[in-house]
N, C-alpha and C. Protein backbone atom coordinates (compact mmCIF):
# COMPACT_ATOMS: atom_id res chain seq x y z
N MET A 1 193.18 -215.10 34.20
CA MET A 1 192.80 -216.44 34.56
C MET A 1 191.56 -216.37 35.44
N VAL A 2 190.67 -217.31 35.23
CA VAL A 2 189.44 -217.39 36.02
C VAL A 2 189.27 -218.80 36.56
N LEU A 3 188.61 -218.90 37.71
CA LEU A 3 188.49 -220.20 38.38
C LEU A 3 187.08 -220.74 38.47
N GLU A 4 186.06 -219.91 38.29
CA GLU A 4 184.70 -220.35 38.55
C GLU A 4 183.87 -220.66 37.30
N GLU A 5 184.27 -220.22 36.15
CA GLU A 5 183.43 -220.33 34.98
C GLU A 5 183.30 -221.75 34.44
N ILE A 6 184.36 -222.54 34.53
CA ILE A 6 184.34 -223.94 34.12
C ILE A 6 184.73 -224.77 35.35
N PRO A 7 183.82 -225.58 35.86
CA PRO A 7 184.08 -226.30 37.11
C PRO A 7 185.37 -227.13 37.06
N GLY A 8 186.21 -226.93 38.09
CA GLY A 8 187.44 -227.70 38.22
C GLY A 8 188.55 -227.29 37.28
N LYS A 9 188.40 -226.17 36.59
CA LYS A 9 189.40 -225.74 35.61
C LYS A 9 189.98 -224.38 35.98
N VAL A 10 191.25 -224.23 35.67
CA VAL A 10 191.91 -222.93 35.71
C VAL A 10 191.90 -222.45 34.26
N SER A 11 191.03 -221.50 33.98
CA SER A 11 190.78 -221.11 32.59
C SER A 11 191.45 -219.79 32.24
N LEU A 12 192.06 -219.79 31.07
CA LEU A 12 192.56 -218.56 30.47
C LEU A 12 191.40 -217.98 29.68
N ALA A 13 190.80 -216.91 30.18
CA ALA A 13 189.60 -216.34 29.58
C ALA A 13 189.96 -215.18 28.66
N VAL A 14 189.41 -215.22 27.46
CA VAL A 14 189.67 -214.19 26.46
C VAL A 14 188.33 -213.63 25.97
N ASP A 15 188.17 -212.31 26.07
CA ASP A 15 186.97 -211.66 25.57
C ASP A 15 187.03 -211.58 24.04
N VAL A 16 185.94 -211.91 23.40
CA VAL A 16 185.83 -211.78 21.94
C VAL A 16 184.76 -210.73 21.67
N SER A 17 185.15 -209.67 20.99
CA SER A 17 184.23 -208.56 20.75
C SER A 17 183.37 -208.80 19.51
N ASN A 18 182.54 -207.81 19.21
CA ASN A 18 181.66 -207.82 18.05
C ASN A 18 180.45 -208.72 18.27
N CYS A 19 179.95 -208.79 19.49
CA CYS A 19 178.78 -209.62 19.80
C CYS A 19 177.54 -208.98 19.19
N PRO A 20 176.78 -209.74 18.41
CA PRO A 20 175.59 -209.19 17.77
C PRO A 20 174.32 -209.28 18.61
N LEU A 21 174.37 -209.88 19.79
CA LEU A 21 173.15 -210.23 20.51
C LEU A 21 172.48 -209.08 21.24
N ARG A 22 173.24 -208.15 21.80
CA ARG A 22 172.70 -206.98 22.49
C ARG A 22 171.73 -207.35 23.61
N CYS A 23 172.10 -208.29 24.46
CA CYS A 23 171.25 -208.73 25.56
C CYS A 23 171.02 -207.56 26.53
N PRO A 24 169.76 -207.25 26.87
CA PRO A 24 169.51 -206.21 27.88
C PRO A 24 170.14 -206.63 29.21
N GLY A 25 170.88 -205.71 29.83
CA GLY A 25 171.53 -206.00 31.10
C GLY A 25 172.87 -206.70 30.94
N CYS A 26 173.39 -206.79 29.73
CA CYS A 26 174.67 -207.44 29.46
C CYS A 26 175.74 -206.89 30.40
N HIS A 27 176.54 -207.80 31.01
CA HIS A 27 177.58 -207.34 31.93
C HIS A 27 178.82 -206.82 31.22
N SER A 28 178.91 -207.03 29.90
CA SER A 28 180.07 -206.56 29.13
C SER A 28 179.62 -205.87 27.84
N PRO A 29 178.85 -204.79 27.94
CA PRO A 29 178.33 -204.16 26.72
C PRO A 29 179.42 -203.64 25.78
N PHE A 30 180.63 -203.40 26.30
CA PHE A 30 181.72 -202.95 25.45
C PHE A 30 182.09 -204.00 24.40
N LEU A 31 181.72 -205.27 24.65
CA LEU A 31 182.03 -206.34 23.69
C LEU A 31 181.04 -206.36 22.53
N GLN A 32 180.05 -205.48 22.54
CA GLN A 32 179.11 -205.40 21.43
C GLN A 32 179.70 -204.63 20.26
N THR A 33 180.82 -203.97 20.48
CA THR A 33 181.48 -203.22 19.42
C THR A 33 182.72 -203.98 18.95
N ASP A 34 183.26 -203.54 17.83
CA ASP A 34 184.49 -204.13 17.31
C ASP A 34 185.65 -203.42 17.99
N THR A 35 186.12 -204.01 19.10
CA THR A 35 187.12 -203.35 19.92
C THR A 35 188.25 -204.30 20.27
N GLY A 36 189.39 -203.73 20.64
CA GLY A 36 190.51 -204.54 21.11
C GLY A 36 191.43 -205.02 20.00
N GLU A 37 192.36 -205.87 20.40
CA GLU A 37 193.36 -206.43 19.49
C GLU A 37 192.77 -207.65 18.77
N GLU A 38 193.11 -207.81 17.51
CA GLU A 38 192.63 -208.97 16.76
C GLU A 38 193.19 -210.25 17.36
N LEU A 39 192.33 -211.23 17.55
CA LEU A 39 192.75 -212.51 18.08
C LEU A 39 193.22 -213.39 16.92
N THR A 40 194.50 -213.74 16.96
CA THR A 40 195.11 -214.57 15.92
C THR A 40 195.74 -215.78 16.56
N THR A 41 196.19 -216.71 15.76
CA THR A 41 196.86 -217.89 16.31
C THR A 41 198.14 -217.48 17.03
N GLU A 42 198.81 -216.45 16.54
CA GLU A 42 200.03 -215.97 17.20
C GLU A 42 199.72 -215.38 18.58
N VAL A 43 198.64 -214.63 18.67
CA VAL A 43 198.23 -214.06 19.96
C VAL A 43 197.85 -215.19 20.92
N ILE A 44 197.11 -216.17 20.43
CA ILE A 44 196.73 -217.31 21.27
C ILE A 44 197.97 -218.04 21.78
N ASP A 45 198.93 -218.29 20.89
CA ASP A 45 200.17 -218.97 21.30
C ASP A 45 200.90 -218.20 22.38
N ALA A 46 200.97 -216.87 22.23
CA ALA A 46 201.66 -216.04 23.23
C ALA A 46 200.91 -216.06 24.56
N LEU A 47 199.58 -215.99 24.52
CA LEU A 47 198.79 -216.03 25.76
C LEU A 47 198.99 -217.35 26.50
N ILE A 48 198.96 -218.44 25.77
CA ILE A 48 199.16 -219.74 26.40
C ILE A 48 200.56 -219.86 26.98
N ALA A 49 201.55 -219.38 26.25
CA ALA A 49 202.94 -219.44 26.72
C ALA A 49 203.13 -218.60 27.99
N ASP A 50 202.40 -217.49 28.09
CA ASP A 50 202.56 -216.57 29.23
C ASP A 50 201.70 -216.93 30.44
N ASN A 51 200.91 -217.96 30.34
CA ASN A 51 199.98 -218.30 31.43
C ASN A 51 200.11 -219.76 31.84
N PHE A 52 201.26 -220.08 32.42
CA PHE A 52 201.54 -221.44 32.87
C PHE A 52 200.49 -221.87 33.90
N GLY A 53 200.06 -223.10 33.81
CA GLY A 53 199.16 -223.64 34.81
C GLY A 53 197.70 -223.68 34.39
N VAL A 54 197.35 -223.04 33.28
CA VAL A 54 195.95 -223.12 32.84
C VAL A 54 195.70 -224.48 32.22
N ASN A 55 194.48 -224.98 32.39
CA ASN A 55 194.13 -226.25 31.75
C ASN A 55 192.88 -226.13 30.88
N CYS A 56 192.46 -224.86 30.65
CA CYS A 56 191.32 -224.62 29.79
C CYS A 56 191.47 -223.24 29.15
N PHE A 57 191.16 -223.16 27.87
CA PHE A 57 191.13 -221.88 27.16
C PHE A 57 189.66 -221.53 26.96
N LEU A 58 189.23 -220.40 27.53
CA LEU A 58 187.82 -220.01 27.52
C LEU A 58 187.61 -218.76 26.68
N PHE A 59 186.76 -218.90 25.66
CA PHE A 59 186.35 -217.76 24.84
C PHE A 59 185.07 -217.19 25.45
N PHE A 60 185.11 -215.91 25.84
CA PHE A 60 183.90 -215.20 26.26
C PHE A 60 183.34 -214.53 25.01
N GLY A 61 182.45 -215.20 24.31
CA GLY A 61 181.88 -214.70 23.07
C GLY A 61 182.57 -215.32 21.88
N GLU A 62 182.01 -215.03 20.70
CA GLU A 62 182.54 -215.65 19.49
C GLU A 62 182.58 -214.72 18.29
N GLY A 63 182.16 -213.47 18.46
CA GLY A 63 182.17 -212.54 17.34
C GLY A 63 181.11 -212.89 16.31
N GLN A 64 181.39 -212.53 15.05
CA GLN A 64 180.39 -212.75 14.00
C GLN A 64 180.93 -213.55 12.81
N ASP A 65 182.13 -214.07 12.91
CA ASP A 65 182.73 -214.82 11.81
C ASP A 65 182.99 -216.26 12.27
N ASP A 66 181.98 -217.13 12.08
CA ASP A 66 182.07 -218.51 12.56
C ASP A 66 183.29 -219.24 12.01
N GLU A 67 183.61 -219.05 10.75
CA GLU A 67 184.71 -219.80 10.13
C GLU A 67 186.05 -219.44 10.78
N THR A 68 186.33 -218.16 10.91
CA THR A 68 187.59 -217.73 11.53
C THR A 68 187.63 -218.14 12.99
N PHE A 69 186.51 -218.00 13.68
CA PHE A 69 186.45 -218.38 15.09
C PHE A 69 186.75 -219.87 15.26
N LEU A 70 186.13 -220.70 14.43
CA LEU A 70 186.39 -222.14 14.51
C LEU A 70 187.85 -222.46 14.18
N ASP A 71 188.44 -221.75 13.24
CA ASP A 71 189.86 -221.96 12.93
C ASP A 71 190.73 -221.72 14.17
N LEU A 72 190.40 -220.69 14.95
CA LEU A 72 191.16 -220.41 16.17
C LEU A 72 190.99 -221.53 17.19
N ALA A 73 189.77 -222.00 17.34
CA ALA A 73 189.53 -223.10 18.29
C ALA A 73 190.25 -224.37 17.84
N TRP A 74 190.22 -224.66 16.55
CA TRP A 74 190.92 -225.85 16.05
C TRP A 74 192.44 -225.71 16.20
N HIS A 75 192.94 -224.49 16.11
CA HIS A 75 194.37 -224.27 16.34
C HIS A 75 194.75 -224.73 17.75
N ILE A 76 193.93 -224.36 18.72
CA ILE A 76 194.19 -224.78 20.10
C ILE A 76 194.09 -226.29 20.20
N ARG A 77 193.04 -226.87 19.67
CA ARG A 77 192.83 -228.32 19.73
C ARG A 77 194.02 -229.07 19.09
N ASP A 78 194.49 -228.59 17.94
CA ASP A 78 195.56 -229.27 17.21
C ASP A 78 196.94 -229.10 17.85
N ASN A 79 197.17 -227.97 18.49
CA ASN A 79 198.52 -227.64 18.99
C ASN A 79 198.71 -227.78 20.49
N TYR A 80 197.63 -227.89 21.24
CA TYR A 80 197.71 -227.99 22.69
C TYR A 80 196.78 -229.11 23.17
N PRO A 81 197.15 -230.36 22.91
CA PRO A 81 196.24 -231.48 23.17
C PRO A 81 195.82 -231.64 24.63
N GLY A 82 196.57 -231.15 25.59
CA GLY A 82 196.18 -231.26 26.99
C GLY A 82 195.29 -230.13 27.47
N LEU A 83 195.06 -229.16 26.63
CA LEU A 83 194.30 -227.97 27.00
C LEU A 83 192.86 -228.11 26.53
N GLU A 84 191.91 -228.01 27.47
CA GLU A 84 190.51 -228.07 27.08
C GLU A 84 190.08 -226.69 26.57
N ILE A 85 188.97 -226.68 25.82
CA ILE A 85 188.51 -225.46 25.18
C ILE A 85 187.04 -225.25 25.54
N ALA A 86 186.73 -224.00 25.92
CA ALA A 86 185.37 -223.67 26.34
C ALA A 86 184.88 -222.42 25.63
N LEU A 87 183.56 -222.32 25.51
CA LEU A 87 182.93 -221.17 24.89
C LEU A 87 181.75 -220.73 25.73
N TYR A 88 181.69 -219.44 26.04
CA TYR A 88 180.51 -218.83 26.62
C TYR A 88 179.81 -218.09 25.49
N SER A 89 178.70 -218.66 25.01
CA SER A 89 177.94 -218.07 23.93
C SER A 89 176.61 -217.59 24.47
N GLY A 90 176.10 -216.49 23.92
CA GLY A 90 174.79 -216.01 24.29
C GLY A 90 173.70 -216.56 23.39
N ARG A 91 174.11 -217.33 22.39
CA ARG A 91 173.11 -217.92 21.49
C ARG A 91 172.36 -219.04 22.20
N THR A 92 171.20 -219.39 21.68
CA THR A 92 170.45 -220.52 22.22
C THR A 92 170.93 -221.83 21.61
N GLU A 93 171.63 -221.77 20.49
CA GLU A 93 172.24 -222.94 19.86
C GLU A 93 173.43 -222.46 19.04
N VAL A 94 174.41 -223.32 18.89
CA VAL A 94 175.59 -222.99 18.08
C VAL A 94 175.65 -223.98 16.90
N PRO A 95 176.36 -223.63 15.84
CA PRO A 95 176.48 -224.54 14.70
C PRO A 95 177.08 -225.89 15.12
N ASN A 96 176.68 -226.94 14.44
CA ASN A 96 177.16 -228.29 14.77
C ASN A 96 178.68 -228.42 14.87
N PRO A 97 179.47 -227.77 14.00
CA PRO A 97 180.93 -227.93 14.13
C PRO A 97 181.48 -227.50 15.50
N TYR A 98 180.78 -226.59 16.18
CA TYR A 98 181.25 -226.15 17.50
C TYR A 98 181.28 -227.32 18.48
N TRP A 99 180.32 -228.22 18.37
CA TRP A 99 180.23 -229.35 19.30
C TRP A 99 181.38 -230.34 19.10
N ARG A 100 182.07 -230.24 17.98
CA ARG A 100 183.20 -231.15 17.72
C ARG A 100 184.52 -230.63 18.29
N VAL A 101 184.64 -229.32 18.44
CA VAL A 101 185.93 -228.75 18.87
C VAL A 101 185.94 -228.34 20.34
N PHE A 102 184.81 -227.95 20.90
CA PHE A 102 184.78 -227.46 22.28
C PHE A 102 184.50 -228.58 23.27
N ASN A 103 185.15 -228.49 24.44
CA ASN A 103 184.88 -229.41 25.55
C ASN A 103 183.72 -228.92 26.42
N TYR A 104 183.49 -227.60 26.42
CA TYR A 104 182.43 -226.98 27.20
C TYR A 104 181.80 -225.88 26.37
N ILE A 105 180.46 -225.80 26.43
CA ILE A 105 179.75 -224.72 25.75
C ILE A 105 178.63 -224.23 26.67
N LYS A 106 178.65 -222.90 26.93
CA LYS A 106 177.57 -222.26 27.67
C LYS A 106 176.64 -221.64 26.63
N LEU A 107 175.35 -221.95 26.74
CA LEU A 107 174.36 -221.42 25.81
C LEU A 107 173.33 -220.58 26.56
N GLY A 108 172.77 -219.62 25.85
CA GLY A 108 171.67 -218.83 26.38
C GLY A 108 172.05 -217.38 26.59
N PRO A 109 171.14 -216.48 26.18
CA PRO A 109 171.39 -215.06 26.41
C PRO A 109 171.17 -214.74 27.89
N TYR A 110 171.81 -213.68 28.34
CA TYR A 110 171.55 -213.21 29.70
C TYR A 110 170.16 -212.60 29.72
N MET A 111 169.33 -213.06 30.65
CA MET A 111 167.99 -212.50 30.85
C MET A 111 167.88 -212.12 32.32
N GLU A 112 167.83 -210.82 32.57
CA GLU A 112 167.89 -210.30 33.93
C GLU A 112 166.88 -210.97 34.87
N LYS A 113 165.67 -211.24 34.40
CA LYS A 113 164.65 -211.82 35.28
C LYS A 113 165.01 -213.23 35.75
N TYR A 114 165.92 -213.91 35.04
CA TYR A 114 166.34 -215.26 35.44
C TYR A 114 167.70 -215.28 36.14
N GLY A 115 168.45 -214.20 36.01
CA GLY A 115 169.75 -214.12 36.67
C GLY A 115 170.87 -214.77 35.87
N PRO A 116 172.10 -214.65 36.39
CA PRO A 116 173.27 -215.16 35.68
C PRO A 116 173.40 -216.69 35.82
N LEU A 117 174.38 -217.22 35.17
CA LEU A 117 174.61 -218.67 35.11
C LEU A 117 174.81 -219.29 36.49
N ASN A 118 175.32 -218.53 37.45
CA ASN A 118 175.59 -219.11 38.77
C ASN A 118 174.39 -219.10 39.71
N LYS A 119 173.21 -218.83 39.18
CA LYS A 119 171.97 -218.86 39.97
C LYS A 119 171.08 -220.00 39.48
N PRO A 120 170.43 -220.73 40.39
CA PRO A 120 169.55 -221.83 39.98
C PRO A 120 168.37 -221.39 39.10
N THR A 121 168.04 -220.11 39.10
CA THR A 121 166.92 -219.62 38.30
C THR A 121 167.31 -219.29 36.86
N THR A 122 168.57 -219.42 36.51
CA THR A 122 169.06 -219.00 35.20
C THR A 122 168.41 -219.74 34.04
N ASN A 123 168.32 -219.07 32.92
CA ASN A 123 167.87 -219.70 31.68
C ASN A 123 169.08 -220.26 30.90
N GLN A 124 170.29 -219.91 31.31
CA GLN A 124 171.50 -220.33 30.62
C GLN A 124 171.91 -221.74 31.05
N ARG A 125 172.59 -222.46 30.17
CA ARG A 125 173.03 -223.82 30.46
C ARG A 125 174.49 -223.97 30.07
N LEU A 126 175.25 -224.70 30.90
CA LEU A 126 176.64 -225.03 30.61
C LEU A 126 176.71 -226.53 30.34
N TYR A 127 177.25 -226.87 29.17
CA TYR A 127 177.33 -228.27 28.76
C TYR A 127 178.78 -228.73 28.70
N LYS A 128 179.03 -229.92 29.18
CA LYS A 128 180.31 -230.61 28.97
C LYS A 128 180.07 -231.52 27.77
N VAL A 129 180.97 -231.44 26.81
CA VAL A 129 180.83 -232.22 25.59
C VAL A 129 181.73 -233.45 25.69
N GLU A 130 181.13 -234.61 25.58
CA GLU A 130 181.86 -235.88 25.60
C GLU A 130 181.42 -236.69 24.39
N GLY A 131 182.23 -236.61 23.34
CA GLY A 131 181.86 -237.29 22.10
C GLY A 131 180.59 -236.67 21.55
N LEU A 132 179.56 -237.48 21.38
CA LEU A 132 178.28 -236.99 20.87
C LEU A 132 177.34 -236.56 21.98
N ARG A 133 177.76 -236.72 23.23
CA ARG A 133 176.90 -236.38 24.38
C ARG A 133 177.13 -234.94 24.82
N ARG A 134 176.03 -234.30 25.19
CA ARG A 134 176.06 -232.95 25.78
C ARG A 134 175.51 -233.09 27.19
N ILE A 135 176.37 -232.96 28.18
CA ILE A 135 175.99 -233.17 29.56
C ILE A 135 175.79 -231.82 30.24
N ASP A 136 174.60 -231.57 30.73
CA ASP A 136 174.29 -230.30 31.40
C ASP A 136 174.95 -230.31 32.78
N ILE A 137 175.97 -229.48 32.95
CA ILE A 137 176.68 -229.39 34.24
C ILE A 137 176.41 -228.07 34.94
N THR A 138 175.38 -227.36 34.51
CA THR A 138 175.06 -226.05 35.08
C THR A 138 174.97 -226.08 36.61
N PRO A 139 174.31 -227.07 37.22
CA PRO A 139 174.20 -227.06 38.69
C PRO A 139 175.55 -227.06 39.41
N GLN A 140 176.61 -227.49 38.75
CA GLN A 140 177.91 -227.52 39.40
C GLN A 140 178.46 -226.12 39.70
N ILE A 141 177.93 -225.10 39.07
CA ILE A 141 178.46 -223.76 39.33
C ILE A 141 177.48 -222.84 40.04
N TRP A 142 176.34 -223.36 40.43
CA TRP A 142 175.43 -222.52 41.20
C TRP A 142 176.03 -222.22 42.55
N LYS A 143 175.91 -221.01 42.98
CA LYS A 143 176.42 -220.60 44.29
C LYS A 143 175.43 -221.04 45.35
N HIS A 144 175.94 -221.70 46.37
CA HIS A 144 175.09 -222.22 47.44
C HIS A 144 175.31 -221.46 48.75
N GLY A 145 175.75 -220.24 48.69
CA GLY A 145 175.99 -219.47 49.91
C GLY A 145 177.48 -219.31 50.16
N ILE A 146 177.81 -218.45 51.09
CA ILE A 146 179.20 -218.15 51.40
C ILE A 146 179.69 -219.09 52.49
N ASP A 147 180.84 -219.66 52.29
CA ASP A 147 181.47 -220.52 53.29
C ASP A 147 182.37 -219.64 54.15
N PRO A 148 182.01 -219.42 55.44
CA PRO A 148 182.78 -218.52 56.28
C PRO A 148 184.23 -218.96 56.48
N ILE A 149 184.51 -220.24 56.39
CA ILE A 149 185.89 -220.71 56.58
C ILE A 149 186.75 -220.29 55.40
N VAL A 150 186.18 -220.37 54.19
CA VAL A 150 186.92 -219.99 52.99
C VAL A 150 187.09 -218.49 52.92
N THR A 151 186.05 -217.72 53.27
CA THR A 151 186.09 -216.28 53.09
C THR A 151 186.75 -215.55 54.26
N GLY A 152 186.90 -216.21 55.39
CA GLY A 152 187.47 -215.55 56.56
C GLY A 152 186.43 -214.83 57.38
N ALA A 153 185.15 -214.92 57.00
CA ALA A 153 184.08 -214.27 57.76
C ALA A 153 183.89 -214.98 59.10
N THR A 154 183.38 -214.24 60.04
CA THR A 154 183.13 -214.84 61.35
C THR A 154 181.81 -215.59 61.31
N PRO A 155 181.84 -216.90 61.62
CA PRO A 155 180.58 -217.65 61.59
C PRO A 155 179.65 -217.17 62.69
N THR A 156 178.36 -217.20 62.38
CA THR A 156 177.36 -216.81 63.37
C THR A 156 176.47 -218.01 63.66
N ARG A 157 175.92 -218.02 64.87
CA ARG A 157 175.04 -219.11 65.29
C ARG A 157 173.68 -218.94 64.60
N PRO A 158 173.11 -220.05 64.05
CA PRO A 158 171.80 -219.94 63.39
C PRO A 158 170.69 -219.56 64.36
């Protein structure tokens, strides 16, 4: 479970391997290979059943088979109506059917000179999908410094 990738959501994050993008500086290069257990509707059902309290299912990547990937996303949409669905894609655009099934889509390859999604300099964008609208919510996840009260650090005088 992750808390920061989709604002205000407790997300069940699942890595999807076989990424064809090969972004220099990728934080998960092991996902560039065909590795791990096959993601099926049965595996998704078991993951959701075992992770009470999540309100978003987050795919980190999408592999190379759009049709099968979309079938998995539609399975979640059809069988878990209260669960939102998110995708972190490294592509600059995704096929139109993706915009119909996902509530959130992150677009853009990782580019080291611009930094990750949680930096204001990033080239990546996170969109909330509302009907036909794509709302850029990227600024909601930019880190604005450490809050000493939350972290337990000792505050210092400016």
